[in-house]
Amino acid sequence: MAGSLLDGDDFSSIGASKAPKKSRGPTDNAMKAKIAVIVVCLGGAVGLYAWQSGMFDSKPKDTRTQEEIQIDEEEFQRQQKEIEEMQKLPQYQMGDA
């Protein structure tokens, strides 16, 4: 007779695993819980550090002093005047050629 879908008298399926099942005790669940707690704590610590260092601010903080800002403004004004003076030179003026 051809093979049957069932093995023997116990009616277990042919594809059923014959290997013994590995029992998972409470230690596996405890280790998973410990790992989850560690991951959550580390994530919270990184988030807190990022928040305190200003990574979530939409605009960067200007840490320059008022004197430095004034010096930068004066330098910018000086550069603008130099550009205007250079544009007045004959070699920079555009003409009909």
Protein backbone atom coordinates (compact mmCIF):
# COMPACT_ATOMS: atom_id res chain seq x y z
CA MET A 1 0.00 0.00 0.00
CA ALA A 2 1.18 3.51 -0.74
CA GLY A 3 2.39 5.79 2.04
CA SER A 4 -0.19 7.41 4.25
CA LEU A 5 -0.32 10.97 5.51
CA LEU A 6 -0.30 9.64 9.03
CA ASP A 7 2.43 7.67 10.77
CA GLY A 8 1.42 4.69 12.78
CA ASP A 9 -1.34 4.54 15.32
CA ASP A 10 -0.64 7.83 17.11
CA PHE A 11 -1.93 9.93 14.16
CA SER A 12 1.00 12.37 14.19
CA SER A 13 1.65 14.12 10.90
CA ILE A 14 4.57 13.09 8.74
CA GLY A 15 6.17 16.55 8.78
CA ALA A 16 6.14 16.84 12.55
CA SER A 17 9.51 17.39 14.15
CA LYS A 18 10.92 14.43 15.99
CA ALA A 19 13.49 16.53 17.86
CA PRO A 20 12.75 17.25 21.52
CA LYS A 21 11.48 20.74 22.14
CA LYS A 22 13.86 23.08 23.89
CA SER A 23 12.28 24.22 27.11
CA ARG A 24 12.58 27.88 27.85
CA GLY A 25 12.61 28.58 31.50
CA PRO A 26 12.08 31.77 33.43
CA THR A 27 15.76 32.68 33.03
CA ASP A 28 15.30 33.42 29.32
CA ASN A 29 12.44 35.79 30.03
CA ALA A 30 14.38 37.43 32.86
CA MET A 31 17.37 38.03 30.57
CA LYS A 32 15.11 39.53 27.91
CA ALA A 33 13.58 41.84 30.51
CA LYS A 34 17.01 42.92 31.75
CA ILE A 35 18.18 43.65 28.22
CA ALA A 36 15.03 45.64 27.52
CA VAL A 37 15.52 47.71 30.69
CA ILE A 38 19.16 48.41 29.77
CA VAL A 39 18.21 49.46 26.23
CA VAL A 40 15.47 51.78 27.50
CA CYS A 41 17.78 53.34 30.10
CA LEU A 42 20.58 53.90 27.59
CA GLY A 43 18.14 55.38 25.08
CA GLY A 44 16.76 57.70 27.72
CA ALA A 45 20.26 58.79 28.75
CA VAL A 46 21.22 59.55 25.14
CA GLY A 47 17.96 61.46 24.62
CA LEU A 48 18.48 63.49 27.78
CA TYR A 49 22.06 64.35 26.79
CA ALA A 50 20.94 65.40 23.30
CA TRP A 51 18.15 67.56 24.73
CA GLN A 52 20.47 69.27 27.22
CA SER A 53 23.13 69.94 24.61
CA GLY A 54 20.54 71.65 22.41
CA MET A 55 20.31 69.17 19.55
CA PHE A 56 16.54 69.52 19.43
CA ASP A 57 16.57 73.34 19.23
CA SER A 58 15.36 74.66 15.89
CA LYS A 59 17.90 77.46 15.78
CA PRO A 60 21.51 77.34 16.94
CA LYS A 61 22.54 79.43 19.90
CA ASP A 62 24.81 82.41 19.19
CA THR A 63 27.62 82.21 21.70
CA ARG A 64 29.50 85.28 20.45
CA THR A 65 29.86 88.30 22.68
CA GLN A 66 28.46 91.68 21.72
CA GLU A 67 31.99 92.89 20.97
CA GLU A 68 32.63 90.00 18.56
CA ILE A 69 29.33 90.68 16.81
CA GLN A 70 30.26 94.36 16.43
CA ILE A 71 33.70 93.46 15.00
CA ASP A 72 32.11 91.05 12.50
CA GLU A 73 29.60 93.71 11.45
CA GLU A 74 32.35 96.28 10.90
CA GLU A 75 34.37 93.78 8.86
CA PHE A 76 31.33 93.05 6.72
CA GLN A 77 30.73 96.77 6.11
CA ARG A 78 34.41 97.24 5.17
CA GLN A 79 34.22 94.38 2.67
CA GLN A 80 31.06 95.81 1.14
CA LYS A 81 32.78 99.19 0.62
CA GLU A 82 35.77 97.47 -1.03
CA ILE A 83 33.45 95.63 -3.41
CA GLU A 84 31.69 98.87 -4.33
CA GLU A 85 35.04 100.60 -4.94
CA MET A 86 36.25 97.75 -7.13
CA GLN A 87 33.07 97.88 -9.19
CA LYS A 88 33.80 101.55 -9.97
CA LEU A 89 37.15 100.65 -11.57
CA PRO A 90 37.15 100.78 -15.40
CA GLN A 91 38.09 97.12 -15.94
CA TYR A 92 35.03 95.99 -13.92
CA GLN A 93 32.49 98.25 -15.60
CA MET A 94 30.41 96.72 -18.32
CA GLY A 95 30.11 98.71 -21.49
CA ASP A 96 29.02 98.33 -25.08
CA ALA A 97 31.84 96.57 -26.87
